[in-house]
Protein backbone atom coordinates (compact mmCIF):
# COMPACT_ATOMS: atom_id res chain seq x y z
CA UNK A 1 105.49 81.58 71.82
CA UNK A 2 107.27 82.63 75.16
CA UNK A 3 108.75 86.56 75.38
CA UNK A 4 111.89 87.21 76.94
CA UNK A 5 112.10 86.25 80.71
CA UNK A 6 109.66 83.43 80.10
CA UNK A 7 110.30 79.32 79.82
CA UNK A 8 108.20 76.65 80.36
CA UNK A 9 109.69 76.32 84.11
CA UNK A 10 108.77 79.56 84.92
CA UNK A 11 104.99 78.93 84.32
CA UNK A 12 102.81 76.70 86.33
CA UNK A 13 99.62 77.05 84.09
CA UNK A 14 99.54 77.73 80.31
CA UNK A 15 96.41 78.17 78.61
CA UNK A 16 97.12 78.54 74.83
CA UNK A 17 96.08 80.51 72.46
CA UNK A 18 93.89 78.48 70.48
CA UNK A 19 92.22 76.92 73.64
CA UNK A 20 88.87 78.08 75.68
CA UNK A 21 88.42 77.01 79.40
CA UNK A 22 85.33 77.43 81.43
CA UNK A 23 86.03 77.08 84.94
CA UNK A 24 88.10 78.97 87.46
CA UNK A 25 91.93 78.39 88.06
CA UNK A 26 93.50 78.14 91.06
CA UNK A 27 97.58 77.81 91.51
CA UNK A 28 100.33 78.47 93.65
CA UNK A 29 102.22 79.61 90.86
CA UNK A 30 102.34 81.88 87.48
CA UNK A 31 99.52 81.89 85.10
CA UNK A 32 99.81 82.74 81.50
CA UNK A 33 96.63 82.93 79.59
CA UNK A 34 96.83 83.34 75.79
CA UNK A 35 93.32 81.88 75.02
CA UNK A 36 89.85 82.26 75.96
CA UNK A 37 88.76 81.99 79.56
CA UNK A 38 85.53 82.00 81.20
CA UNK A 39 86.08 81.79 85.12
CA UNK A 40 88.23 83.16 88.08
CA UNK A 41 92.11 82.90 88.43
CA UNK A 42 93.94 83.10 91.49
CA UNK A 43 97.63 82.61 91.61
CA UNK A 44 100.31 82.75 94.38
CA UNK A 45 102.41 84.67 92.15
CA UNK A 46 101.79 86.49 88.89
CA UNK A 47 98.75 85.99 85.59
CA UNK A 48 100.03 87.29 82.77
CA UNK A 49 97.27 87.68 80.38
CA UNK A 50 98.47 87.69 76.52
CA UNK A 51 97.23 90.44 73.74
CA UNK A 52 95.09 87.83 72.22
CA UNK A 53 93.75 86.79 75.37
CA UNK A 54 89.88 86.95 76.55
CA UNK A 55 89.20 86.73 80.47
CA UNK A 56 85.63 87.25 81.51
CA UNK A 57 86.19 86.65 85.41
CA UNK A 58 87.93 87.60 88.56
CA UNK A 59 91.40 87.62 88.79
CA UNK A 60 93.86 87.75 92.32
CA UNK A 61 97.37 87.16 92.17
CA UNK A 62 100.47 89.35 93.45
CA UNK A 63 100.96 90.88 90.12
CA UNK A 64 98.89 91.05 87.16
CA UNK A 65 100.43 92.24 83.41
CA UNK A 66 97.29 92.51 81.12
CA UNK A 67 97.77 92.98 77.14
CA UNK A 68 94.27 91.80 76.30
CA UNK A 69 90.98 91.57 77.20
CA UNK A 70 89.63 90.94 80.83
CA UNK A 71 86.08 91.90 82.42
CA UNK A 72 85.62 91.41 85.90
CA UNK A 73 87.34 92.65 89.28
CA UNK A 74 91.09 92.26 89.66
CA UNK A 75 92.79 92.47 93.22
CA UNK A 76 96.88 92.64 92.75
CA UNK A 77 98.40 92.68 95.87
CA UNK A 78 101.49 94.04 94.21
CA UNK A 79 101.65 95.83 90.96
CA UNK A 80 98.60 95.58 88.08
CA UNK A 81 99.88 96.79 84.79
CA UNK A 82 97.85 97.29 81.85
CA UNK A 83 99.90 97.34 79.07
CA UNK A 84 99.01 99.63 75.66
CA UNK A 85 97.25 96.40 74.15
CA UNK A 86 94.84 96.05 76.91
CA UNK A 87 91.24 96.53 77.74
CA UNK A 88 89.99 96.26 81.15
CA UNK A 89 86.54 96.81 82.46
CA UNK A 90 85.65 96.03 86.46
CA UNK A 91 86.88 97.46 89.59
CA UNK A 92 90.61 96.73 91.03
CA UNK A 93 91.96 96.55 94.29
CA UNK A 94 95.92 97.17 93.82
CA UNK A 95 98.53 98.33 95.68
CA UNK A 96 100.32 99.72 92.48
CA UNK A 97 98.88 100.64 89.09
CA UNK A 98 100.20 101.36 85.75
CA UNK A 99 98.34 102.15 82.77
CA UNK A 100 100.74 102.41 79.26
CA UNK A 101 99.31 104.84 76.51
CA UNK A 102 96.91 103.72 75.04
CA UNK A 103 95.42 100.96 77.73
CA UNK A 104 91.35 101.31 78.18
CA UNK A 105 90.07 100.85 81.97
CA UNK A 106 86.71 101.27 82.83
CA UNK A 107 86.08 100.69 86.92
CA UNK A 108 86.70 101.75 90.40
CA UNK A 109 90.17 101.88 91.84
CA UNK A 110 90.97 101.26 95.10
CA UNK A 111 94.79 101.36 95.87
CA UNK A 112 95.79 99.97 99.65
CA UNK A 113 99.58 99.60 101.48
CA UNK A 114 101.07 96.74 100.98
CA UNK A 115 100.87 96.18 104.45
CA UNK A 116 97.26 96.66 104.40
CA UNK A 117 95.39 93.24 104.98
CA UNK A 118 91.93 92.78 103.45
CA UNK A 119 88.96 93.03 105.99
CA UNK A 120 89.04 89.44 107.68
CA UNK A 121 85.03 89.15 107.63
CA UNK A 122 84.51 89.36 104.12
CA UNK A 123 87.60 89.54 102.38
CA UNK A 124 86.79 92.40 100.57
CA UNK A 125 89.01 95.36 99.66
CA UNK A 126 86.65 97.77 98.79
CA UNK A 127 85.16 97.62 102.21
CA UNK A 128 88.37 98.53 103.95
CA UNK A 129 89.51 102.55 105.31
CA UNK A 130 92.85 103.25 106.45
CA UNK A 131 93.32 104.87 109.30
CA UNK A 132 94.05 108.87 109.26
CA UNK A 133 92.98 108.77 105.46
CA UNK A 134 90.87 111.76 104.65
CA UNK A 135 88.44 111.60 102.11
CA UNK A 136 88.71 114.16 99.42
CA UNK A 137 86.47 116.90 98.70
CA UNK A 138 85.17 118.34 95.36
CA UNK A 139 86.82 121.60 94.46
CA UNK A 140 84.40 124.33 92.99
CA UNK A 141 85.70 126.44 89.98
CA UNK A 142 84.62 129.34 92.62
CA UNK A 143 87.19 127.75 95.08
CA UNK A 144 90.01 127.97 92.29
CA UNK A 145 89.75 132.05 91.89
């Protein structure tokens, strides 16, 4: 049931493959989802979404590793890693983003420095602007000639 590097002692919350859960999950530790979740998940450490898992809700954690299907907003203060079997539909706010060949991602991506803090007023990274960052412009084909 557990892959290399996993043991029951390293996971604080586990939703098994044959389980369905409706509601929000909040943990200071690590969360692993193998079943179906309808609700938000917030973890102080990492979130692991197994290949057979389906989540309809927002995820927030230090690092997030997705092998299954997720529909919702992602906030990863460290790395978001989409494995080859993953399908993610939703916007992401991340420090680092890795997408394996074969993974599917449909949404907007906002990457931030590890030292960036979320906007204190509304706690939304999407409204955060970085100092000294220039907005890119569209390059026309004529500009390239």
